[in-house]
Amino acid sequence: MPRRIPWPTLLLVYGFFSSGCVLVSQRKSWQYTQLIPKTEQAKPFIQINLEKPTIPLPLPIIMWEISTAKRYCFDIDFLTKNRQYQRLDSIGFALYTPDKQLVASGVLPIVNGELSYRPYSPDVHRAQCQTSPRIALGNQRQELTGTFVLYATDLNNQRALIPLDGVALHYFKARIASFF
């Protein structure tokens, strides 16, 4: 009598010995990016992501990103050519639906908001930081509009404000991100 090959087991064994896997991105997020115009080199680059914090769960062949919180947080990437600020302290926000309904608002402290010098990029100072996951959005599956104020500390230890008005946050659905 011929023996059946257990295909799921064979697939798992193949996954352990293969060098590649598939990364499945998180379920949903919203993103805003402000690009640096070529004529204004001193203007900062700001990227704000509204997402759930995740950790990667490496499995054979597939790596899943598992949410570690039920609420959303801001992931902020701030880059500037000239050093104007020491650190980003907090972010004030108001999020709206396209029909101007307020979804969430408040002020959240930023964790690890120190601007650091990048030796591989001359004259570039950058902060990559997050807030704690405290933003409840419900079941939003649409573009959002936001108004943000980044509260920073400048080089003289004075409080500085970086306002961002009428920001469009683009919605991203879950998808397979990449092979590696």
N, C-alpha and C. Protein backbone atom coordinates (compact mmCIF):
# COMPACT_ATOMS: atom_id res chain seq x y z
N MET A 1 0.84 -1.18 0.00
CA MET A 1 0.00 0.00 0.00
C MET A 1 0.89 1.25 0.00
N PRO A 2 0.66 2.17 -0.95
CA PRO A 2 1.50 3.36 -1.01
C PRO A 2 1.21 4.29 0.17
N ARG A 3 2.26 4.93 0.64
CA ARG A 3 2.12 5.86 1.77
C ARG A 3 1.81 7.26 1.25
N ARG A 4 0.93 7.96 1.94
CA ARG A 4 0.60 9.34 1.57
C ARG A 4 1.67 10.27 2.11
N ILE A 5 2.03 11.24 1.32
CA ILE A 5 3.00 12.23 1.77
C ILE A 5 2.22 13.33 2.51
N PRO A 6 2.57 13.60 3.75
CA PRO A 6 1.89 14.68 4.49
C PRO A 6 2.38 16.04 3.99
N TRP A 7 1.62 16.63 3.07
CA TRP A 7 2.04 17.87 2.42
C TRP A 7 2.26 19.03 3.39
N PRO A 8 1.43 19.25 4.41
CA PRO A 8 1.73 20.36 5.33
C PRO A 8 3.07 20.17 6.05
N THR A 9 3.37 18.93 6.43
CA THR A 9 4.65 18.68 7.09
C THR A 9 5.81 18.90 6.13
N LEU A 10 5.66 18.45 4.90
CA LEU A 10 6.70 18.65 3.90
C LEU A 10 6.92 20.15 3.63
N LEU A 11 5.84 20.91 3.61
CA LEU A 11 5.94 22.35 3.40
C LEU A 11 6.68 23.01 4.57
N LEU A 12 6.39 22.61 5.79
CA LEU A 12 7.08 23.16 6.95
C LEU A 12 8.57 22.82 6.92
N VAL A 13 8.92 21.60 6.58
CA VAL A 13 10.32 21.20 6.50
C VAL A 13 11.03 22.01 5.42
N TYR A 14 10.39 22.18 4.27
CA TYR A 14 10.97 22.99 3.21
C TYR A 14 11.17 24.43 3.68
N GLY A 15 10.23 24.95 4.45
CA GLY A 15 10.33 26.32 4.96
C GLY A 15 11.52 26.51 5.89
N PHE A 16 11.82 25.50 6.70
CA PHE A 16 12.96 25.60 7.60
C PHE A 16 14.28 25.64 6.83
N PHE A 17 14.35 24.98 5.70
CA PHE A 17 15.59 24.91 4.95
C PHE A 17 15.70 25.94 3.83
N SER A 18 14.62 26.64 3.56
CA SER A 18 14.70 27.65 2.51
C SER A 18 15.26 28.95 3.09
N SER A 19 15.84 29.76 2.25
CA SER A 19 16.44 31.00 2.73
C SER A 19 15.48 32.18 2.64
N GLY A 20 14.36 32.05 1.98
CA GLY A 20 13.45 33.18 1.80
C GLY A 20 12.16 32.98 2.57
N CYS A 21 11.49 34.08 2.81
CA CYS A 21 10.16 34.01 3.41
C CYS A 21 9.36 35.20 2.92
N VAL A 22 8.11 35.18 3.20
CA VAL A 22 7.20 36.24 2.79
C VAL A 22 6.86 37.06 4.02
N LEU A 23 6.91 38.38 3.90
CA LEU A 23 6.53 39.24 5.00
C LEU A 23 5.12 39.75 4.74
N VAL A 24 4.23 39.51 5.67
CA VAL A 24 2.85 39.99 5.56
C VAL A 24 2.74 41.24 6.40
N SER A 25 2.35 42.35 5.78
CA SER A 25 2.32 43.61 6.50
C SER A 25 1.16 43.66 7.48
N GLN A 26 1.20 44.68 8.34
CA GLN A 26 0.13 44.82 9.32
C GLN A 26 -1.21 45.08 8.63
N ARG A 27 -2.28 44.98 9.40
CA ARG A 27 -3.61 44.99 8.80
C ARG A 27 -3.98 46.31 8.13
N LYS A 28 -3.79 47.43 8.80
CA LYS A 28 -4.13 48.71 8.18
C LYS A 28 -3.34 49.82 8.85
N SER A 29 -3.09 50.87 8.10
CA SER A 29 -2.40 52.04 8.64
C SER A 29 -2.71 53.24 7.76
N TRP A 30 -2.39 54.42 8.27
CA TRP A 30 -2.55 55.66 7.53
C TRP A 30 -1.20 56.36 7.51
N GLN A 31 -0.87 57.02 6.39
CA GLN A 31 0.46 57.61 6.26
C GLN A 31 0.39 58.98 5.64
N TYR A 32 1.25 59.88 6.15
CA TYR A 32 1.44 61.21 5.59
C TYR A 32 2.94 61.41 5.39
N THR A 33 3.35 61.92 4.23
CA THR A 33 4.75 62.22 3.96
C THR A 33 4.85 63.60 3.35
N GLN A 34 5.73 64.42 3.90
CA GLN A 34 6.01 65.74 3.36
C GLN A 34 7.41 65.68 2.76
N LEU A 35 7.50 65.82 1.45
CA LEU A 35 8.78 65.72 0.77
C LEU A 35 9.50 67.06 0.80
N ILE A 36 10.84 67.02 0.66
CA ILE A 36 11.64 68.23 0.64
C ILE A 36 11.68 68.76 -0.79
N PRO A 37 11.18 69.97 -1.03
CA PRO A 37 11.32 70.55 -2.38
C PRO A 37 12.80 70.80 -2.68
N LYS A 38 13.19 70.68 -3.94
CA LYS A 38 14.60 70.83 -4.32
C LYS A 38 15.12 72.24 -4.07
N THR A 39 14.24 73.23 -4.07
CA THR A 39 14.69 74.61 -3.86
C THR A 39 14.85 74.95 -2.38
N GLU A 40 14.21 74.21 -1.49
CA GLU A 40 14.27 74.50 -0.05
C GLU A 40 14.94 73.35 0.67
N GLN A 41 16.25 73.40 0.84
CA GLN A 41 16.97 72.33 1.50
C GLN A 41 16.85 72.39 3.02
N ALA A 42 16.47 73.53 3.61
CA ALA A 42 16.39 73.65 5.06
C ALA A 42 15.04 73.18 5.61
N LYS A 43 14.08 72.95 4.73
CA LYS A 43 12.76 72.54 5.18
C LYS A 43 12.81 71.09 5.66
N PRO A 44 12.22 70.77 6.80
CA PRO A 44 12.32 69.40 7.31
C PRO A 44 11.46 68.42 6.53
N PHE A 45 11.88 67.18 6.56
CA PHE A 45 11.12 66.07 6.01
C PHE A 45 10.36 65.45 7.17
N ILE A 46 9.07 65.28 7.02
CA ILE A 46 8.26 64.70 8.10
C ILE A 46 7.43 63.57 7.51
N GLN A 47 7.46 62.43 8.19
CA GLN A 47 6.59 61.32 7.83
C GLN A 47 5.86 60.89 9.09
N ILE A 48 4.55 60.81 9.02
CA ILE A 48 3.72 60.42 10.16
C ILE A 48 2.91 59.20 9.74
N ASN A 49 3.04 58.12 10.49
CA ASN A 49 2.25 56.91 10.26
C ASN A 49 1.34 56.70 11.45
N LEU A 50 0.10 56.42 11.20
CA LEU A 50 -0.87 56.07 12.23
C LEU A 50 -1.11 54.58 12.10
N GLU A 51 -0.63 53.81 13.08
CA GLU A 51 -0.65 52.36 12.97
C GLU A 51 -0.71 51.71 14.34
N LYS A 52 -0.98 50.42 14.33
CA LYS A 52 -0.91 49.65 15.57
C LYS A 52 0.52 49.16 15.74
N PRO A 53 1.05 49.21 16.96
CA PRO A 53 2.39 48.66 17.16
C PRO A 53 2.37 47.15 16.93
N THR A 54 3.40 46.64 16.27
CA THR A 54 3.46 45.22 15.95
C THR A 54 4.83 44.65 16.29
N ILE A 55 4.87 43.33 16.40
CA ILE A 55 6.13 42.61 16.51
C ILE A 55 6.12 41.51 15.45
N PRO A 56 7.27 41.22 14.86
CA PRO A 56 7.30 40.15 13.85
C PRO A 56 7.29 38.78 14.51
N LEU A 57 6.52 37.88 13.97
CA LEU A 57 6.45 36.50 14.44
C LEU A 57 7.00 35.62 13.33
N PRO A 58 8.29 35.24 13.42
CA PRO A 58 8.88 34.47 12.33
C PRO A 58 8.40 33.02 12.33
N LEU A 59 7.79 32.65 11.26
CA LEU A 59 7.35 31.29 11.03
C LEU A 59 8.01 30.81 9.75
N PRO A 60 8.08 29.53 9.51
CA PRO A 60 8.65 29.07 8.24
C PRO A 60 7.86 29.62 7.06
N ILE A 61 8.54 30.11 6.09
CA ILE A 61 8.02 30.64 4.85
C ILE A 61 7.30 31.98 5.05
N ILE A 62 6.50 32.13 6.07
CA ILE A 62 5.71 33.35 6.26
C ILE A 62 6.10 34.00 7.57
N MET A 63 6.30 35.33 7.54
CA MET A 63 6.52 36.08 8.76
C MET A 63 5.33 37.02 8.94
N TRP A 64 4.63 36.88 10.02
CA TRP A 64 3.47 37.71 10.29
C TRP A 64 3.86 38.83 11.23
N GLU A 65 3.22 39.98 11.09
CA GLU A 65 3.36 41.05 12.07
C GLU A 65 2.12 40.99 12.95
N ILE A 66 2.33 40.75 14.23
CA ILE A 66 1.24 40.60 15.19
C ILE A 66 1.06 41.91 15.95
N SER A 67 -0.16 42.41 16.05
CA SER A 67 -0.45 43.63 16.81
C SER A 67 -0.22 43.38 18.29
N THR A 68 0.42 44.36 18.94
CA THR A 68 0.67 44.25 20.37
C THR A 68 -0.27 45.14 21.19
N ALA A 69 -1.15 45.89 20.52
CA ALA A 69 -2.09 46.76 21.22
C ALA A 69 -3.38 46.86 20.42
N LYS A 70 -4.47 47.22 21.09
CA LYS A 70 -5.76 47.38 20.41
C LYS A 70 -5.92 48.78 19.83
N ARG A 71 -5.15 49.72 20.33
CA ARG A 71 -5.25 51.10 19.87
C ARG A 71 -4.09 51.46 18.95
N TYR A 72 -4.19 52.62 18.33
CA TYR A 72 -3.21 53.08 17.36
C TYR A 72 -2.22 54.05 18.00
N CYS A 73 -1.05 54.16 17.38
CA CYS A 73 -0.04 55.11 17.81
C CYS A 73 0.51 55.84 16.58
N PHE A 74 1.24 56.92 16.81
CA PHE A 74 1.91 57.64 15.74
C PHE A 74 3.36 57.18 15.68
N ASP A 75 3.82 56.85 14.49
CA ASP A 75 5.22 56.56 14.24
C ASP A 75 5.74 57.74 13.42
N ILE A 76 6.69 58.50 13.97
CA ILE A 76 7.12 59.75 13.38
C ILE A 76 8.57 59.64 12.93
N ASP A 77 8.82 60.08 11.70
CA ASP A 77 10.18 60.16 11.16
C ASP A 77 10.40 61.63 10.78
N PHE A 78 11.32 62.30 11.49
CA PHE A 78 11.55 63.73 11.31
C PHE A 78 13.01 63.93 10.94
N LEU A 79 13.26 64.59 9.80
CA LEU A 79 14.62 64.80 9.31
C LEU A 79 14.79 66.26 8.95
N THR A 80 15.90 66.85 9.36
CA THR A 80 16.17 68.24 9.04
C THR A 80 17.63 68.41 8.66
N LYS A 81 17.91 69.34 7.76
CA LYS A 81 19.28 69.60 7.31
C LYS A 81 20.05 70.44 8.31
N ASN A 82 19.42 71.45 8.89
CA ASN A 82 20.11 72.28 9.87
C ASN A 82 19.56 71.98 11.25
N ARG A 83 20.42 71.93 12.20
CA ARG A 83 20.01 71.55 13.56
C ARG A 83 19.31 72.72 14.23
N GLN A 84 17.98 72.64 14.30
CA GLN A 84 17.18 73.66 14.95
C GLN A 84 16.62 73.17 16.29
N TYR A 85 16.46 71.86 16.42
CA TYR A 85 15.78 71.29 17.57
C TYR A 85 16.66 70.26 18.26
N GLN A 86 16.46 70.13 19.59
CA GLN A 86 17.14 69.08 20.35
C GLN A 86 16.33 67.79 20.32
N ARG A 87 15.01 67.95 20.52
CA ARG A 87 14.15 66.77 20.59
C ARG A 87 12.70 67.15 20.28
N LEU A 88 11.93 66.13 19.93
CA LEU A 88 10.48 66.25 19.78
C LEU A 88 9.86 65.77 21.08
N ASP A 89 9.01 66.59 21.70
CA ASP A 89 8.46 66.27 23.01
C ASP A 89 7.10 65.60 22.94
N SER A 90 6.18 66.17 22.16
CA SER A 90 4.83 65.61 22.08
C SER A 90 4.19 66.04 20.77
N ILE A 91 3.05 65.43 20.48
CA ILE A 91 2.31 65.73 19.25
C ILE A 91 0.85 65.97 19.60
N GLY A 92 0.34 67.11 19.15
CA GLY A 92 -1.08 67.40 19.26
C GLY A 92 -1.74 67.05 17.94
N PHE A 93 -2.92 66.45 17.99
CA PHE A 93 -3.54 65.99 16.75
C PHE A 93 -5.06 66.12 16.81
N ALA A 94 -5.65 66.25 15.64
CA ALA A 94 -7.10 66.17 15.45
C ALA A 94 -7.30 65.46 14.12
N LEU A 95 -8.01 64.34 14.13
CA LEU A 95 -8.23 63.53 12.93
C LEU A 95 -9.69 63.62 12.52
N TYR A 96 -9.91 63.83 11.19
CA TYR A 96 -11.25 64.01 10.65
C TYR A 96 -11.49 63.05 9.49
N THR A 97 -12.75 62.67 9.30
CA THR A 97 -13.15 61.91 8.12
C THR A 97 -13.29 62.89 6.95
N PRO A 98 -13.44 62.40 5.72
CA PRO A 98 -13.60 63.32 4.59
C PRO A 98 -14.81 64.25 4.70
N ASP A 99 -15.84 63.85 5.45
CA ASP A 99 -17.00 64.73 5.61
C ASP A 99 -16.91 65.58 6.89
N LYS A 100 -15.68 65.82 7.37
CA LYS A 100 -15.36 66.73 8.49
C LYS A 100 -15.89 66.27 9.84
N GLN A 101 -16.10 64.98 10.04
CA GLN A 101 -16.48 64.44 11.35
C GLN A 101 -15.21 64.20 12.16
N LEU A 102 -15.15 64.68 13.39
CA LEU A 102 -14.00 64.47 14.25
C LEU A 102 -13.95 63.02 14.70
N VAL A 103 -12.81 62.35 14.46
CA VAL A 103 -12.64 60.95 14.83
C VAL A 103 -11.89 60.82 16.14
N ALA A 104 -10.78 61.56 16.27
CA ALA A 104 -9.96 61.50 17.48
C ALA A 104 -9.17 62.79 17.59
N SER A 105 -8.87 63.20 18.83
CA SER A 105 -8.03 64.37 19.05
C SER A 105 -7.35 64.23 20.41
N GLY A 106 -6.29 65.00 20.60
CA GLY A 106 -5.58 64.97 21.87
C GLY A 106 -4.12 65.35 21.71
N VAL A 107 -3.37 65.17 22.79
CA VAL A 107 -1.93 65.40 22.80
C VAL A 107 -1.29 64.16 23.40
N LEU A 108 -0.29 63.62 22.69
CA LEU A 108 0.41 62.42 23.16
C LEU A 108 1.90 62.70 23.30
N PRO A 109 2.53 62.22 24.39
CA PRO A 109 3.98 62.39 24.52
C PRO A 109 4.71 61.49 23.53
N ILE A 110 5.85 61.96 23.06
CA ILE A 110 6.68 61.21 22.13
C ILE A 110 7.78 60.51 22.91
N VAL A 111 8.00 59.24 22.60
CA VAL A 111 9.04 58.43 23.24
C VAL A 111 10.28 58.44 22.35
N ASN A 112 11.44 58.69 22.93
CA ASN A 112 12.73 58.70 22.22
C ASN A 112 12.74 59.70 21.06
N GLY A 113 12.40 60.94 21.33
CA GLY A 113 12.32 61.96 20.30
C GLY A 113 13.59 62.76 20.10
N GLU A 114 14.72 62.31 20.61
CA GLU A 114 15.98 63.04 20.46
C GLU A 114 16.41 63.07 19.00
N LEU A 115 16.83 64.23 18.52
CA LEU A 115 17.39 64.34 17.17
C LEU A 115 18.87 63.98 17.24
N SER A 116 19.27 63.08 16.39
CA SER A 116 20.66 62.62 16.41
C SER A 116 21.31 62.88 15.06
N TYR A 117 22.62 63.00 15.09
CA TYR A 117 23.42 63.23 13.89
C TYR A 117 23.64 61.90 13.20
N ARG A 118 23.50 61.87 11.88
CA ARG A 118 23.72 60.66 11.10
C ARG A 118 25.08 60.74 10.42
N PRO A 119 26.09 59.95 10.83
CA PRO A 119 27.43 60.07 10.25
C PRO A 119 27.48 59.71 8.76
N TYR A 120 26.56 58.89 8.30
CA TYR A 120 26.57 58.50 6.90
C TYR A 120 25.90 59.55 6.00
N SER A 121 25.23 60.54 6.60
CA SER A 121 24.62 61.64 5.84
C SER A 121 25.09 62.96 6.45
N PRO A 122 26.00 63.65 5.81
CA PRO A 122 26.51 64.89 6.39
C PRO A 122 25.42 65.93 6.58
N ASP A 123 25.47 66.62 7.70
CA ASP A 123 24.54 67.72 8.04
C ASP A 123 23.08 67.29 8.08
N VAL A 124 22.82 66.05 8.44
CA VAL A 124 21.45 65.58 8.57
C VAL A 124 21.20 65.17 10.02
N HIS A 125 20.13 65.69 10.58
CA HIS A 125 19.72 65.34 11.94
C HIS A 125 18.35 64.70 11.83
N ARG A 126 18.17 63.60 12.56
CA ARG A 126 16.95 62.83 12.37
C ARG A 126 16.45 62.28 13.70
N ALA A 127 15.13 62.23 13.84
CA ALA A 127 14.47 61.59 14.98
C ALA A 127 13.48 60.58 14.43
N GLN A 128 13.59 59.34 14.86
CA GLN A 128 12.63 58.30 14.53
C GLN A 128 12.02 57.87 15.86
N CYS A 129 10.74 58.20 16.06
CA CYS A 129 10.14 58.03 17.38
C CYS A 129 8.68 57.62 17.26
N GLN A 130 8.09 57.28 18.41
CA GLN A 130 6.70 56.85 18.47
C GLN A 130 6.01 57.45 19.67
N THR A 131 4.69 57.38 19.65
CA THR A 131 3.89 57.71 20.82
C THR A 131 3.40 56.39 21.41
N SER A 132 2.79 56.48 22.56
CA SER A 132 2.18 55.27 23.13
C SER A 132 0.86 55.00 22.43
N PRO A 133 0.41 53.74 22.35
CA PRO A 133 -0.83 53.41 21.63
C PRO A 133 -2.07 53.79 22.45
N ARG A 134 -2.61 54.99 22.18
CA ARG A 134 -3.78 55.47 22.92
C ARG A 134 -4.89 56.00 22.02
N ILE A 135 -4.77 55.87 20.71
CA ILE A 135 -5.74 56.46 19.79
C ILE A 135 -6.76 55.40 19.38
N ALA A 136 -8.02 55.63 19.74
CA ALA A 136 -9.10 54.71 19.38
C ALA A 136 -9.79 55.25 18.12
N LEU A 137 -9.77 54.45 17.05
CA LEU A 137 -10.37 54.90 15.78
C LEU A 137 -11.64 54.18 15.40
N GLY A 138 -11.92 53.07 16.04
CA GLY A 138 -13.08 52.30 15.61
C GLY A 138 -12.76 51.55 14.33
N ASN A 139 -13.75 51.41 13.46
CA ASN A 139 -13.56 50.64 12.23
C ASN A 139 -13.46 51.58 11.03
N GLN A 140 -12.42 52.37 10.99
CA GLN A 140 -12.21 53.31 9.88
C GLN A 140 -11.54 52.59 8.72
N ARG A 141 -12.06 52.75 7.53
CA ARG A 141 -11.45 52.20 6.32
C ARG A 141 -11.47 53.25 5.21
N GLN A 142 -11.09 54.46 5.57
CA GLN A 142 -11.15 55.55 4.62
C GLN A 142 -9.98 56.50 4.86
N GLU A 143 -9.78 57.39 3.91
CA GLU A 143 -8.75 58.41 4.07
C GLU A 143 -9.14 59.32 5.23
N LEU A 144 -8.16 59.85 5.93
CA LEU A 144 -8.41 60.77 7.03
C LEU A 144 -7.68 62.07 6.76
N THR A 145 -8.18 63.15 7.34
CA THR A 145 -7.51 64.44 7.30
C THR A 145 -7.11 64.79 8.72
N GLY A 146 -5.92 65.35 8.87
CA GLY A 146 -5.45 65.65 10.21
C GLY A 146 -4.83 67.02 10.32
N THR A 147 -4.86 67.54 11.52
CA THR A 147 -4.15 68.76 11.89
C THR A 147 -3.22 68.37 13.02
N PHE A 148 -1.92 68.65 12.85
CA PHE A 148 -0.92 68.25 13.83
C PHE A 148 -0.12 69.45 14.30
N VAL A 149 0.34 69.37 15.54
CA VAL A 149 1.31 70.32 16.09
C VAL A 149 2.37 69.48 16.79
N LEU A 150 3.60 69.55 16.27
CA LEU A 150 4.72 68.88 16.94
C LEU A 150 5.32 69.87 17.93
N TYR A 151 5.34 69.49 19.21
CA TYR A 151 5.96 70.31 20.24
C TYR A 151 7.40 69.84 20.38
N ALA A 152 8.34 70.77 20.19
CA ALA A 152 9.76 70.43 20.21
C ALA A 152 10.49 71.34 21.20
N THR A 153 11.71 70.98 21.50
CA THR A 153 12.61 71.81 22.30
C THR A 153 13.75 72.23 21.38
N ASP A 154 13.97 73.56 21.27
CA ASP A 154 15.02 74.03 20.36
C ASP A 154 16.39 73.99 21.06
N LEU A 155 17.42 74.50 20.40
CA LEU A 155 18.78 74.44 20.92
C LEU A 155 18.98 75.31 22.16
N ASN A 156 18.11 76.31 22.38
CA ASN A 156 18.20 77.18 23.56
C ASN A 156 17.30 76.71 24.69
N ASN A 157 16.84 75.48 24.63
CA ASN A 157 15.91 74.90 25.61
C ASN A 157 14.59 75.66 25.69
N GLN A 158 14.18 76.27 24.60
CA GLN A 158 12.90 76.95 24.51
C GLN A 158 11.92 76.05 23.76
N ARG A 159 10.65 76.19 24.08
CA ARG A 159 9.62 75.40 23.40
C ARG A 159 9.39 75.93 22.00
N ALA A 160 9.30 75.02 21.02
CA ALA A 160 9.05 75.40 19.63
C ALA A 160 7.88 74.59 19.11
N LEU A 161 7.13 75.19 18.20
CA LEU A 161 5.97 74.53 17.61
C LEU A 161 6.20 74.31 16.12
N ILE A 162 5.82 73.13 15.62
CA ILE A 162 5.88 72.83 14.20
C ILE A 162 4.46 72.47 13.78
N PRO A 163 3.70 73.43 13.24
CA PRO A 163 2.30 73.15 12.86
C PRO A 163 2.20 72.50 11.48
N LEU A 164 1.28 71.56 11.36
CA LEU A 164 0.96 70.92 10.08
C LEU A 164 -0.56 70.93 9.95
N ASP A 165 -1.09 71.75 9.06
CA ASP A 165 -2.54 71.90 8.90
C ASP A 165 -3.02 71.22 7.63
N GLY A 166 -4.20 70.63 7.69
CA GLY A 166 -4.84 70.04 6.51
C GLY A 166 -4.05 68.90 5.90
N VAL A 167 -3.52 68.03 6.73
CA VAL A 167 -2.69 66.92 6.28
C VAL A 167 -3.58 65.76 5.84
N ALA A 168 -3.32 65.21 4.67
CA ALA A 168 -4.08 64.06 4.16
C ALA A 168 -3.35 62.78 4.57
N LEU A 169 -4.02 61.94 5.35
CA LEU A 169 -3.47 60.64 5.76
C LEU A 169 -4.06 59.58 4.83
N HIS A 170 -3.21 58.94 4.06
CA HIS A 170 -3.65 57.95 3.08
C HIS A 170 -3.78 56.58 3.74
N TYR A 171 -4.85 55.90 3.43
CA TYR A 171 -5.18 54.60 4.03
C TYR A 171 -4.50 53.48 3.26
N PHE A 172 -3.87 52.55 3.98
CA PHE A 172 -3.24 51.38 3.38
C PHE A 172 -3.88 50.13 3.95
N LYS A 173 -4.27 49.21 3.07
CA LYS A 173 -4.83 47.93 3.49
C LYS A 173 -3.73 46.90 3.62
N ALA A 174 -4.04 45.79 4.24
CA ALA A 174 -3.07 44.71 4.38
C ALA A 174 -2.73 44.12 3.03
N ARG A 175 -1.47 43.79 2.85
CA ARG A 175 -1.03 43.17 1.62
C ARG A 175 0.27 42.44 1.90
N ILE A 176 0.67 41.57 1.00
CA ILE A 176 1.96 40.93 1.14
C ILE A 176 3.00 41.96 0.75
N ALA A 177 3.95 42.23 1.64
CA ALA A 177 4.87 43.34 1.43
C ALA A 177 6.06 42.97 0.57
N SER A 178 6.77 41.91 0.89
CA SER A 178 7.99 41.65 0.13
C SER A 178 8.50 40.24 0.34
N PHE A 179 9.39 39.84 -0.53
CA PHE A 179 10.14 38.60 -0.37
C PHE A 179 11.54 38.96 0.06
N PHE A 180 12.11 38.19 0.99
CA PHE A 180 13.50 38.42 1.35
C PHE A 180 14.14 37.13 1.81
